[in-house]
C-alpha atoms as a PDB file:
ATOM      1  CA  MET A   1     -37.008  -1.564 -21.643  1.00  0.00           C
ATOM      2  CA  GLN A   2     -37.117   2.021 -20.394  1.00  0.00           C
ATOM      3  CA  ALA A   3     -36.111   3.012 -16.885  1.00  0.00           C
ATOM      4  CA  ASP A   4     -37.369   6.183 -15.270  1.00  0.00           C
ATOM      5  CA  LEU A   5     -34.548   8.459 -14.174  1.00  0.00           C
ATOM      6  CA  THR A   6     -34.651  10.063 -10.768  1.00  0.00           C
ATOM      7  CA  ALA A   7     -33.529  13.680 -10.456  1.00  0.00           C
ATOM      8  CA  ALA A   8     -30.263  12.488  -8.898  1.00  0.00           C
ATOM      9  CA  ASP A   9     -29.706  10.025 -11.756  1.00  0.00           C
ATOM     10  CA  ALA A  10     -30.401  12.740 -14.315  1.00  0.00           C
ATOM     11  CA  ASP A  11     -27.959  15.115 -12.613  1.00  0.00           C
ATOM     12  CA  GLU A  12     -25.297  12.387 -12.560  1.00  0.00           C
ATOM     13  CA  LEU A  13     -25.913  11.707 -16.235  1.00  0.00           C
ATOM     14  CA  VAL A  14     -25.564  15.392 -17.137  1.00  0.00           C
ATOM     15  CA  ALA A  15     -22.348  15.627 -15.088  1.00  0.00           C
ATOM     16  CA  SER A  16     -20.898  12.562 -16.819  1.00  0.00           C
ATOM     17  CA  LEU A  17     -21.835  13.777 -20.280  1.00  0.00           C
ATOM     18  CA  THR A  18     -20.407  17.221 -19.513  1.00  0.00           C
ATOM     19  CA  ALA A  19     -17.082  15.630 -18.546  1.00  0.00           C
ATOM     20  CA  VAL A  20     -17.026  13.712 -21.834  1.00  0.00           C
ATOM     21  CA  LEU A  21     -17.957  16.873 -23.756  1.00  0.00           C
ATOM     22  CA  ALA A  22     -15.202  18.917 -22.088  1.00  0.00           C
ATOM     23  CA  LYS A  23     -12.583  16.246 -22.789  1.00  0.00           C
ATOM     24  CA  SER A  24     -13.741  15.947 -26.406  1.00  0.00           C
ATOM     25  CA  LEU A  25     -13.675  19.711 -26.926  1.00  0.00           C
ATOM     26  CA  ARG A  26     -10.120  19.928 -25.584  1.00  0.00           C
ATOM     27  CA  ALA A  27      -9.054  17.092 -27.889  1.00  0.00           C
ATOM     28  CA  LEU A  28     -10.695  18.802 -30.858  1.00  0.00           C
ATOM     29  CA  GLY A  29      -8.904  22.036 -30.003  1.00  0.00           C
ATOM     30  CA  LYS A  30      -5.535  20.278 -29.649  1.00  0.00           C
ATOM     31  CA  ALA A  31      -6.138  18.541 -32.987  1.00  0.00           C
ATOM     32  CA  GLY A  32      -6.082  21.915 -34.721  1.00  0.00           C
ATOM     33  CA  GLN A  33      -9.771  22.802 -34.565  1.00  0.00           C
ATOM     34  CA  PRO A  34      -9.956  25.321 -31.690  1.00  0.00           C
ATOM     35  CA  ASN A  35     -12.433  27.475 -33.589  1.00  0.00           C
ATOM     36  CA  GLU A  36     -14.970  24.657 -33.997  1.00  0.00           C
ATOM     37  CA  ALA A  37     -14.324  23.419 -30.452  1.00  0.00           C
ATOM     38  CA  SER A  38     -14.959  26.916 -29.084  1.00  0.00           C
ATOM     39  CA  ARG A  39     -18.214  27.280 -31.014  1.00  0.00           C
ATOM     40  CA  LEU A  40     -19.437  23.908 -29.737  1.00  0.00           C
ATOM     41  CA  ALA A  41     -18.361  24.812 -26.197  1.00  0.00           C
ATOM     42  CA  ALA A  42     -20.303  28.084 -26.378  1.00  0.00           C
ATOM     43  CA  THR A  43     -23.396  26.187 -27.476  1.00  0.00           C
ATOM     44  CA  GLY A  44     -22.938  23.629 -24.693  1.00  0.00           C
ATOM     45  CA  TRP A  45     -22.508  26.369 -22.114  1.00  0.00           C
ATOM     46  CA  SER A  46     -25.676  28.072 -23.359  1.00  0.00           C
ATOM     47  CA  VAL A  47     -27.662  24.838 -23.013  1.00  0.00           C
ATOM     48  CA  LEU A  48     -26.364  24.123 -19.499  1.00  0.00           C
ATOM     49  CA  ARG A  49     -26.170  27.560 -17.885  1.00  0.00           C
ATOM     50  CA  HIS A  50     -29.643  27.828 -16.318  1.00  0.00           C
ATOM     51  CA  ARG A  51     -30.496  24.306 -15.211  1.00  0.00           C
ATOM     52  CA  HIS A  52     -26.960  22.962 -14.651  1.00  0.00           C
ATOM     53  CA  PRO A  53     -24.735  25.884 -13.620  1.00  0.00           C
ATOM     54  CA  ARG A  54     -21.974  23.684 -12.155  1.00  0.00           C
ATOM     55  CA  GLU A  55     -21.562  21.865 -15.451  1.00  0.00           C
ATOM     56  CA  ALA A  56     -21.794  25.153 -17.372  1.00  0.00           C
ATOM     57  CA  GLU A  57     -18.882  26.380 -15.270  1.00  0.00           C
ATOM     58  CA  LYS A  58     -16.842  23.341 -16.347  1.00  0.00           C
ATOM     59  CA  ILE A  59     -17.538  24.175 -19.983  1.00  0.00           C
ATOM     60  CA  ASN A  60     -16.579  27.784 -19.237  1.00  0.00           C
ATOM     61  CA  GLY A  61     -13.202  26.516 -18.021  1.00  0.00           C
ATOM     62  CA  THR A  62     -12.859  24.548 -21.231  1.00  0.00           C
ATOM     63  CA  MET A  63     -13.600  27.687 -23.249  1.00  0.00           C
ATOM     64  CA  HIS A  64     -10.832  29.510 -21.376  1.00  0.00           C
ATOM     65  CA  TYR A  65      -8.447  26.664 -22.208  1.00  0.00           C
ATOM     66  CA  LEU A  66      -9.466  26.753 -25.874  1.00  0.00           C
ATOM     67  CA  ALA A  67      -9.073  30.539 -26.026  1.00  0.00           C
ATOM     68  CA  ARG A  68      -5.358  30.146 -25.309  1.00  0.00           C
ATOM     69  CA  LEU A  69      -4.811  27.832 -28.275  1.00  0.00           C
ATOM     70  CA  PRO A  70      -3.492  29.228 -31.563  1.00  0.00           C
ATOM     71  CA  GLY A  71      -6.286  29.929 -34.044  1.00  0.00           C
ATOM     72  CA  SER A  72      -8.995  30.430 -31.429  1.00  0.00           C
ATOM     73  CA  PRO A  73     -11.913  32.736 -32.244  1.00  0.00           C
ATOM     74  CA  THR A  74     -12.391  36.085 -30.568  1.00  0.00           C
ATOM     75  CA  SER A  75     -15.018  36.573 -27.862  1.00  0.00           C
ATOM     76  CA  SER A  76     -17.254  38.512 -30.267  1.00  0.00           C
ATOM     77  CA  GLU A  77     -17.172  35.577 -32.700  1.00  0.00           C
ATOM     78  CA  LEU A  78     -18.208  33.244 -29.867  1.00  0.00           C
ATOM     79  CA  ALA A  79     -21.029  35.562 -28.828  1.00  0.00           C
ATOM     80  CA  GLN A  80     -22.287  35.607 -32.400  1.00  0.00           C
ATOM     81  CA  ALA A  81     -22.168  31.781 -32.549  1.00  0.00           C
ATOM     82  CA  ASP A  82     -24.088  31.569 -29.262  1.00  0.00           C
ATOM     83  CA  SER A  83     -26.793  33.946 -30.480  1.00  0.00           C
ATOM     84  CA  HIS A  84     -27.232  31.885 -33.654  1.00  0.00           C
ATOM     85  CA  SER A  85     -27.480  28.611 -31.730  1.00  0.00           C
ATOM     86  CA  THR A  86     -30.184  29.896 -29.413  1.00  0.00           C
ATOM     87  CA  THR A  87     -32.301  31.276 -32.247  1.00  0.00           C
ATOM     88  CA  GLU A  88     -32.045  28.051 -34.274  1.00  0.00           C
ATOM     89  CA  ASN A  89     -33.446  25.834 -31.482  1.00  0.00           C
END
């Protein structure tokens, strides 16, 4: 059984998934993997930024949180990860 999503339902779904992603990324960072969490956050932000700017801003806040954790990558490392993720898709 497949239900058609309305635009409002799709937006709600993206918002809910973004909240789960942000929480998961913070947990990954706290668990000692801030580098991987930051790379995933940069990819998520890149995916969301044009069509879902509000959710992209939430991921941006998560990236700022992750950047303050010990072992976080530099901004140039994140930019490089983002450029690789957009060319691979």
